[in-house]
Amino acid sequence: MASEHTPADDVVYDLVSVQYHALKAAQTYDKYQQDAHDHAEIREFFAQCAEEDARRAQRCHELLAQVTGSSQS
């Protein structure tokens, strides 16, 4: 799989883009949780969103390593 793709391929760009946006969103949800300080259910929802985006970013990292032939760190 690694030999089929270079860092300039669309699939690599797409994975990096999803990873970036997932990490950015996970960071933003921290602010949203602070804003919802009196609403436990809403804070929990934002925490769940952050966890989902963190997992999505990690999966992108794994897929990027496969596609580019890099070792994961």
PDB file of N, CA and C in Angstrom:
ATOM      1  N   MET A   1       0.810  -1.188   0.000  1.00  0.00           N
ATOM      2  CA  MET A   1       0.000   0.000   0.000  1.00  0.00           C
ATOM      3  C   MET A   1       0.859   1.260   0.000  1.00  0.00           C
ATOM      4  N   ALA A   2       1.974   1.258   0.700  1.00  0.00           N
ATOM      5  CA  ALA A   2       2.818   2.439   0.822  1.00  0.00           C
ATOM      6  C   ALA A   2       3.414   2.867  -0.507  1.00  0.00           C
ATOM      7  N   SER A   3       3.749   1.924  -1.355  1.00  0.00           N
ATOM      8  CA  SER A   3       4.398   2.277  -2.613  1.00  0.00           C
ATOM      9  C   SER A   3       3.447   2.918  -3.619  1.00  0.00           C
ATOM     10  N   GLU A   4       2.167   2.834  -3.383  1.00  0.00           N
ATOM     11  CA  GLU A   4       1.186   3.378  -4.310  1.00  0.00           C
ATOM     12  C   GLU A   4       0.935   4.867  -4.118  1.00  0.00           C
ATOM     13  N   HIS A   5       1.357   5.441  -3.008  1.00  0.00           N
ATOM     14  CA  HIS A   5       1.017   6.818  -2.692  1.00  0.00           C
ATOM     15  C   HIS A   5       2.256   7.632  -2.335  1.00  0.00           C
ATOM     16  N   THR A   6       2.197   8.904  -2.662  1.00  0.00           N
ATOM     17  CA  THR A   6       3.214   9.856  -2.239  1.00  0.00           C
ATOM     18  C   THR A   6       2.531  10.909  -1.375  1.00  0.00           C
ATOM     19  N   PRO A   7       3.298  11.676  -0.610  1.00  0.00           N
ATOM     20  CA  PRO A   7       2.684  12.703   0.236  1.00  0.00           C
ATOM     21  C   PRO A   7       1.855  13.735  -0.530  1.00  0.00           C
ATOM     22  N   ALA A   8       2.045  13.838  -1.822  1.00  0.00           N
ATOM     23  CA  ALA A   8       1.286  14.814  -2.607  1.00  0.00           C
ATOM     24  C   ALA A   8      -0.056  14.260  -3.097  1.00  0.00           C
ATOM     25  N   ASP A   9      -0.320  12.987  -2.878  1.00  0.00           N
ATOM     26  CA  ASP A   9      -1.568  12.386  -3.341  1.00  0.00           C
ATOM     27  C   ASP A   9      -2.777  13.013  -2.649  1.00  0.00           C
ATOM     28  N   ASP A  10      -3.886  12.989  -3.358  1.00  0.00           N
ATOM     29  CA  ASP A  10      -5.129  13.512  -2.799  1.00  0.00           C
ATOM     30  C   ASP A  10      -5.526  12.796  -1.519  1.00  0.00           C
ATOM     31  N   VAL A  11      -5.363  11.486  -1.464  1.00  0.00           N
ATOM     32  CA  VAL A  11      -5.791  10.734  -0.284  1.00  0.00           C
ATOM     33  C   VAL A  11      -4.992  11.162   0.949  1.00  0.00           C
ATOM     34  N   VAL A  12      -3.730  11.467   0.787  1.00  0.00           N
ATOM     35  CA  VAL A  12      -2.910  11.935   1.907  1.00  0.00           C
ATOM     36  C   VAL A  12      -3.391  13.311   2.349  1.00  0.00           C
ATOM     37  N   TYR A  13      -3.614  14.188   1.400  1.00  0.00           N
ATOM     38  CA  TYR A  13      -4.141  15.522   1.714  1.00  0.00           C
ATOM     39  C   TYR A  13      -5.476  15.405   2.438  1.00  0.00           C
ATOM     40  N   ASP A  14      -6.337  14.543   1.952  1.00  0.00           N
ATOM     41  CA  ASP A  14      -7.656  14.368   2.555  1.00  0.00           C
ATOM     42  C   ASP A  14      -7.551  13.880   4.001  1.00  0.00           C
ATOM     43  N   LEU A  15      -6.676  12.905   4.239  1.00  0.00           N
ATOM     44  CA  LEU A  15      -6.490  12.404   5.599  1.00  0.00           C
ATOM     45  C   LEU A  15      -5.914  13.471   6.523  1.00  0.00           C
ATOM     46  N   VAL A  16      -4.951  14.217   6.038  1.00  0.00           N
ATOM     47  CA  VAL A  16      -4.368  15.296   6.837  1.00  0.00           C
ATOM     48  C   VAL A  16      -5.428  16.341   7.150  1.00  0.00           C
ATOM     49  N   SER A  17      -6.253  16.647   6.184  1.00  0.00           N
ATOM     50  CA  SER A  17      -7.312  17.628   6.384  1.00  0.00           C
ATOM     51  C   SER A  17      -8.310  17.165   7.443  1.00  0.00           C
ATOM     52  N   VAL A  18      -8.740  15.914   7.357  1.00  0.00           N
ATOM     53  CA  VAL A  18      -9.676  15.383   8.350  1.00  0.00           C
ATOM     54  C   VAL A  18      -9.022  15.382   9.727  1.00  0.00           C
ATOM     55  N   GLN A  19      -7.751  14.974   9.780  1.00  0.00           N
ATOM     56  CA  GLN A  19      -7.040  14.951  11.057  1.00  0.00           C
ATOM     57  C   GLN A  19      -6.953  16.352  11.654  1.00  0.00           C
ATOM     58  N   TYR A  20      -6.583  17.321  10.851  1.00  0.00           N
ATOM     59  CA  TYR A  20      -6.467  18.695  11.327  1.00  0.00           C
ATOM     60  C   TYR A  20      -7.796  19.195  11.889  1.00  0.00           C
ATOM     61  N   HIS A  21      -8.852  19.002  11.124  1.00  0.00           N
ATOM     62  CA  HIS A  21     -10.153  19.510  11.549  1.00  0.00           C
ATOM     63  C   HIS A  21     -10.682  18.776  12.778  1.00  0.00           C
ATOM     64  N   ALA A  22     -10.392  17.501  12.895  1.00  0.00           N
ATOM     65  CA  ALA A  22     -10.806  16.748  14.074  1.00  0.00           C
ATOM     66  C   ALA A  22     -10.070  17.250  15.315  1.00  0.00           C
ATOM     67  N   LEU A  23      -8.771  17.495  15.188  1.00  0.00           N
ATOM     68  CA  LEU A  23      -7.992  18.004  16.320  1.00  0.00           C
ATOM     69  C   LEU A  23      -8.427  19.417  16.697  1.00  0.00           C
ATOM     70  N   LYS A  24      -8.681  20.228  15.699  1.00  0.00           N
ATOM     71  CA  LYS A  24      -9.135  21.596  15.944  1.00  0.00           C
ATOM     72  C   LYS A  24     -10.489  21.586  16.656  1.00  0.00           C
ATOM     73  N   ALA A  25     -11.394  20.731  16.207  1.00  0.00           N
ATOM     74  CA  ALA A  25     -12.718  20.639  16.830  1.00  0.00           C
ATOM     75  C   ALA A  25     -12.604  20.144  18.263  1.00  0.00           C
ATOM     76  N   ALA A  26     -11.771  19.138  18.491  1.00  0.00           N
ATOM     77  CA  ALA A  26     -11.599  18.608  19.843  1.00  0.00           C
ATOM     78  C   ALA A  26     -11.126  19.708  20.785  1.00  0.00           C
ATOM     79  N   GLN A  27     -10.274  20.565  20.312  1.00  0.00           N
ATOM     80  CA  GLN A  27      -9.787  21.689  21.109  1.00  0.00           C
ATOM     81  C   GLN A  27     -10.916  22.693  21.370  1.00  0.00           C
ATOM     82  N   THR A  28     -11.718  22.956  20.378  1.00  0.00           N
ATOM     83  CA  THR A  28     -12.817  23.909  20.498  1.00  0.00           C
ATOM     84  C   THR A  28     -13.869  23.433  21.497  1.00  0.00           C
ATOM     85  N   TYR A  29     -14.088  22.122  21.554  1.00  0.00           N
ATOM     86  CA  TYR A  29     -15.084  21.594  22.480  1.00  0.00           C
ATOM     87  C   TYR A  29     -14.728  21.878  23.931  1.00  0.00           C
ATOM     88  N   ASP A  30     -13.456  22.037  24.237  1.00  0.00           N
ATOM     89  CA  ASP A  30     -13.064  22.413  25.598  1.00  0.00           C
ATOM     90  C   ASP A  30     -13.704  23.745  25.989  1.00  0.00           C
ATOM     91  N   LYS A  31     -13.679  24.680  25.077  1.00  0.00           N
ATOM     92  CA  LYS A  31     -14.306  25.992  25.317  1.00  0.00           C
ATOM     93  C   LYS A  31     -15.813  25.829  25.486  1.00  0.00           C
ATOM     94  N   TYR A  32     -16.414  25.004  24.647  1.00  0.00           N
ATOM     95  CA  TYR A  32     -17.856  24.787  24.739  1.00  0.00           C
ATOM     96  C   TYR A  32     -18.234  24.167  26.084  1.00  0.00           C
ATOM     97  N   GLN A  33     -17.396  23.266  26.583  1.00  0.00           N
ATOM     98  CA  GLN A  33     -17.665  22.656  27.885  1.00  0.00           C
ATOM     99  C   GLN A  33     -17.617  23.709  28.990  1.00  0.00           C
ATOM    100  N   GLN A  34     -16.678  24.627  28.889  1.00  0.00           N
ATOM    101  CA  GLN A  34     -16.600  25.706  29.875  1.00  0.00           C
ATOM    102  C   GLN A  34     -17.839  26.585  29.811  1.00  0.00           C
ATOM    103  N   ASP A  35     -18.306  26.858  28.607  1.00  0.00           N
ATOM    104  CA  ASP A  35     -19.502  27.693  28.438  1.00  0.00           C
ATOM    105  C   ASP A  35     -20.741  27.038  29.045  1.00  0.00           C
ATOM    106  N   ALA A  36     -20.769  25.722  29.075  1.00  0.00           N
ATOM    107  CA  ALA A  36     -21.927  24.972  29.571  1.00  0.00           C
ATOM    108  C   ALA A  36     -21.757  24.577  31.035  1.00  0.00           C
ATOM    109  N   HIS A  37     -21.052  25.365  31.800  1.00  0.00           N
ATOM    110  CA  HIS A  37     -20.687  24.998  33.165  1.00  0.00           C
ATOM    111  C   HIS A  37     -21.884  24.604  34.031  1.00  0.00           C
ATOM    112  N   ASP A  38     -23.051  25.149  33.826  1.00  0.00           N
ATOM    113  CA  ASP A  38     -24.214  24.823  34.653  1.00  0.00           C
ATOM    114  C   ASP A  38     -25.105  23.743  34.042  1.00  0.00           C
ATOM    115  N   HIS A  39     -24.678  23.152  32.960  1.00  0.00           N
ATOM    116  CA  HIS A  39     -25.509  22.189  32.236  1.00  0.00           C
ATOM    117  C   HIS A  39     -24.737  20.882  32.045  1.00  0.00           C
ATOM    118  N   ALA A  40     -24.866  19.988  33.009  1.00  0.00           N
ATOM    119  CA  ALA A  40     -24.084  18.748  33.022  1.00  0.00           C
ATOM    120  C   ALA A  40     -24.310  17.910  31.765  1.00  0.00           C
ATOM    121  N   GLU A  41     -25.547  17.805  31.318  1.00  0.00           N
ATOM    122  CA  GLU A  41     -25.834  16.986  30.143  1.00  0.00           C
ATOM    123  C   GLU A  41     -25.185  17.565  28.885  1.00  0.00           C
ATOM    124  N   ILE A  42     -25.183  18.870  28.784  1.00  0.00           N
ATOM    125  CA  ILE A  42     -24.564  19.532  27.628  1.00  0.00           C
ATOM    126  C   ILE A  42     -23.045  19.401  27.704  1.00  0.00           C
ATOM    127  N   ARG A  43     -22.467  19.565  28.892  1.00  0.00           N
ATOM    128  CA  ARG A  43     -21.018  19.365  29.057  1.00  0.00           C
ATOM    129  C   ARG A  43     -20.633  17.953  28.651  1.00  0.00           C
ATOM    130  N   GLU A  44     -21.437  16.984  29.070  1.00  0.00           N
ATOM    131  CA  GLU A  44     -21.172  15.592  28.722  1.00  0.00           C
ATOM    132  C   GLU A  44     -21.234  15.383  27.203  1.00  0.00           C
ATOM    133  N   PHE A  45     -22.188  16.015  26.563  1.00  0.00           N
ATOM    134  CA  PHE A  45     -22.301  15.922  25.101  1.00  0.00           C
ATOM    135  C   PHE A  45     -21.048  16.477  24.423  1.00  0.00           C
ATOM    136  N   PHE A  46     -20.589  17.644  24.857  1.00  0.00           N
ATOM    137  CA  PHE A  46     -19.388  18.229  24.259  1.00  0.00           C
ATOM    138  C   PHE A  46     -18.155  17.365  24.538  1.00  0.00           C
ATOM    139  N   ALA A  47     -18.098  16.752  25.701  1.00  0.00           N
ATOM    140  CA  ALA A  47     -16.985  15.850  26.014  1.00  0.00           C
ATOM    141  C   ALA A  47     -17.009  14.650  25.077  1.00  0.00           C
ATOM    142  N   GLN A  48     -18.188  14.122  24.828  1.00  0.00           N
ATOM    143  CA  GLN A  48     -18.330  12.996  23.899  1.00  0.00           C
ATOM    144  C   GLN A  48     -17.883  13.400  22.494  1.00  0.00           C
ATOM    145  N   CYS A  49     -18.271  14.582  22.068  1.00  0.00           N
ATOM    146  CA  CYS A  49     -17.851  15.068  20.742  1.00  0.00           C
ATOM    147  C   CYS A  49     -16.331  15.161  20.661  1.00  0.00           C
ATOM    148  N   ALA A  50     -15.716  15.680  21.715  1.00  0.00           N
ATOM    149  CA  ALA A  50     -14.257  15.806  21.744  1.00  0.00           C
ATOM    150  C   ALA A  50     -13.587  14.443  21.663  1.00  0.00           C
ATOM    151  N   GLU A  51     -14.122  13.467  22.400  1.00  0.00           N
ATOM    152  CA  GLU A  51     -13.554  12.114  22.365  1.00  0.00           C
ATOM    153  C   GLU A  51     -13.678  11.493  20.975  1.00  0.00           C
ATOM    154  N   GLU A  52     -14.813  11.691  20.337  1.00  0.00           N
ATOM    155  CA  GLU A  52     -15.017  11.148  18.991  1.00  0.00           C
ATOM    156  C   GLU A  52     -14.030  11.763  18.005  1.00  0.00           C
ATOM    157  N   ASP A  53     -13.835  13.081  18.101  1.00  0.00           N
ATOM    158  CA  ASP A  53     -12.886  13.725  17.198  1.00  0.00           C
ATOM    159  C   ASP A  53     -11.449  13.311  17.502  1.00  0.00           C
ATOM    160  N   ALA A  54     -11.121  13.110  18.759  1.00  0.00           N
ATOM    161  CA  ALA A  54      -9.775  12.651  19.105  1.00  0.00           C
ATOM    162  C   ALA A  54      -9.521  11.258  18.521  1.00  0.00           C
ATOM    163  N   ARG A  55     -10.525  10.387  18.601  1.00  0.00           N
ATOM    164  CA  ARG A  55     -10.395   9.048  17.998  1.00  0.00           C
ATOM    165  C   ARG A  55     -10.269   9.153  16.481  1.00  0.00           C
ATOM    166  N   ARG A  56     -11.026  10.044  15.890  1.00  0.00           N
ATOM    167  CA  ARG A  56     -10.966  10.240  14.433  1.00  0.00           C
ATOM    168  C   ARG A  56      -9.571  10.719  14.023  1.00  0.00           C
ATOM    169  N   ALA A  57      -9.017  11.636  14.775  1.00  0.00           N
ATOM    170  CA  ALA A  57      -7.671  12.137  14.474  1.00  0.00           C
ATOM    171  C   ALA A  57      -6.638  11.023  14.612  1.00  0.00           C
ATOM    172  N   GLN A  58      -6.767  10.199  15.642  1.00  0.00           N
ATOM    173  CA  GLN A  58      -5.842   9.074  15.833  1.00  0.00           C
ATOM    174  C   GLN A  58      -5.936   8.089  14.674  1.00  0.00           C
ATOM    175  N   ARG A  59      -7.142   7.805  14.235  1.00  0.00           N
ATOM    176  CA  ARG A  59      -7.325   6.871  13.110  1.00  0.00           C
ATOM    177  C   ARG A  59      -6.703   7.450  11.846  1.00  0.00           C
ATOM    178  N   CYS A  60      -6.852   8.738  11.626  1.00  0.00           N
ATOM    179  CA  CYS A  60      -6.192   9.372  10.479  1.00  0.00           C
ATOM    180  C   CYS A  60      -4.687   9.209  10.573  1.00  0.00           C
ATOM    181  N   HIS A  61      -4.144   9.381  11.754  1.00  0.00           N
ATOM    182  CA  HIS A  61      -2.705   9.216  11.973  1.00  0.00           C
ATOM    183  C   HIS A  61      -2.260   7.811  11.574  1.00  0.00           C
ATOM    184  N   GLU A  62      -3.036   6.821  11.995  1.00  0.00           N
ATOM    185  CA  GLU A  62      -2.718   5.431  11.653  1.00  0.00           C
ATOM    186  C   GLU A  62      -2.793   5.196  10.147  1.00  0.00           C
ATOM    187  N   LEU A  63      -3.826   5.706   9.527  1.00  0.00           N
ATOM    188  CA  LEU A  63      -3.984   5.521   8.083  1.00  0.00           C
ATOM    189  C   LEU A  63      -2.898   6.256   7.299  1.00  0.00           C
ATOM    190  N   LEU A  64      -2.517   7.437   7.758  1.00  0.00           N
ATOM    191  CA  LEU A  64      -1.431   8.163   7.105  1.00  0.00           C
ATOM    192  C   LEU A  64      -0.133   7.377   7.162  1.00  0.00           C
ATOM    193  N   ALA A  65       0.129   6.760   8.299  1.00  0.00           N
ATOM    194  CA  ALA A  65       1.340   5.935   8.425  1.00  0.00           C
ATOM    195  C   ALA A  65       1.313   4.791   7.437  1.00  0.00           C
ATOM    196  N   GLN A  66       0.164   4.176   7.271  1.00  0.00           N
ATOM    197  CA  GLN A  66       0.042   3.071   6.303  1.00  0.00           C
ATOM    198  C   GLN A  66       0.255   3.556   4.893  1.00  0.00           C
ATOM    199  N   VAL A  67      -0.402   4.639   4.538  1.00  0.00           N
ATOM    200  CA  VAL A  67      -0.372   5.137   3.162  1.00  0.00           C
ATOM    201  C   VAL A  67       1.008   5.657   2.767  1.00  0.00           C
ATOM    202  N   THR A  68       1.685   6.298   3.707  1.00  0.00           N
ATOM    203  CA  THR A  68       2.982   6.899   3.385  1.00  0.00           C
ATOM    204  C   THR A  68       4.154   5.978   3.702  1.00  0.00           C
ATOM    205  N   GLY A  69       3.880   4.859   4.375  1.00  0.00           N
ATOM    206  CA  GLY A  69       4.945   3.941   4.728  1.00  0.00           C
ATOM    207  C   GLY A  69       5.778   4.427   5.896  1.00  0.00           C
ATOM    208  N   SER A  70       5.262   5.381   6.654  1.00  0.00           N
ATOM    209  CA  SER A  70       5.962   5.924   7.818  1.00  0.00           C
ATOM    210  C   SER A  70       5.663   5.087   9.037  1.00  0.00           C
ATOM    211  N   SER A  71       6.573   5.125   9.989  1.00  0.00           N
ATOM    212  CA  SER A  71       6.295   4.469  11.250  1.00  0.00           C
ATOM    213  C   SER A  71       5.496   5.431  12.116  1.00  0.00           C
ATOM    214  N   GLN A  72       4.590   4.896  12.933  1.00  0.00           N
ATOM    215  CA  GLN A  72       3.780   5.727  13.807  1.00  0.00           C
ATOM    216  C   GLN A  72       4.605   6.142  15.005  1.00  0.00           C
ATOM    217  N   SER A  73       4.316   7.351  15.473  1.00  0.00           N
ATOM    218  CA  SER A  73       4.983   7.812  16.696  1.00  0.00           C
ATOM    219  C   SER A  73       3.988   8.269  17.708  1.00  0.00           C
TER     220      SER A  73
END
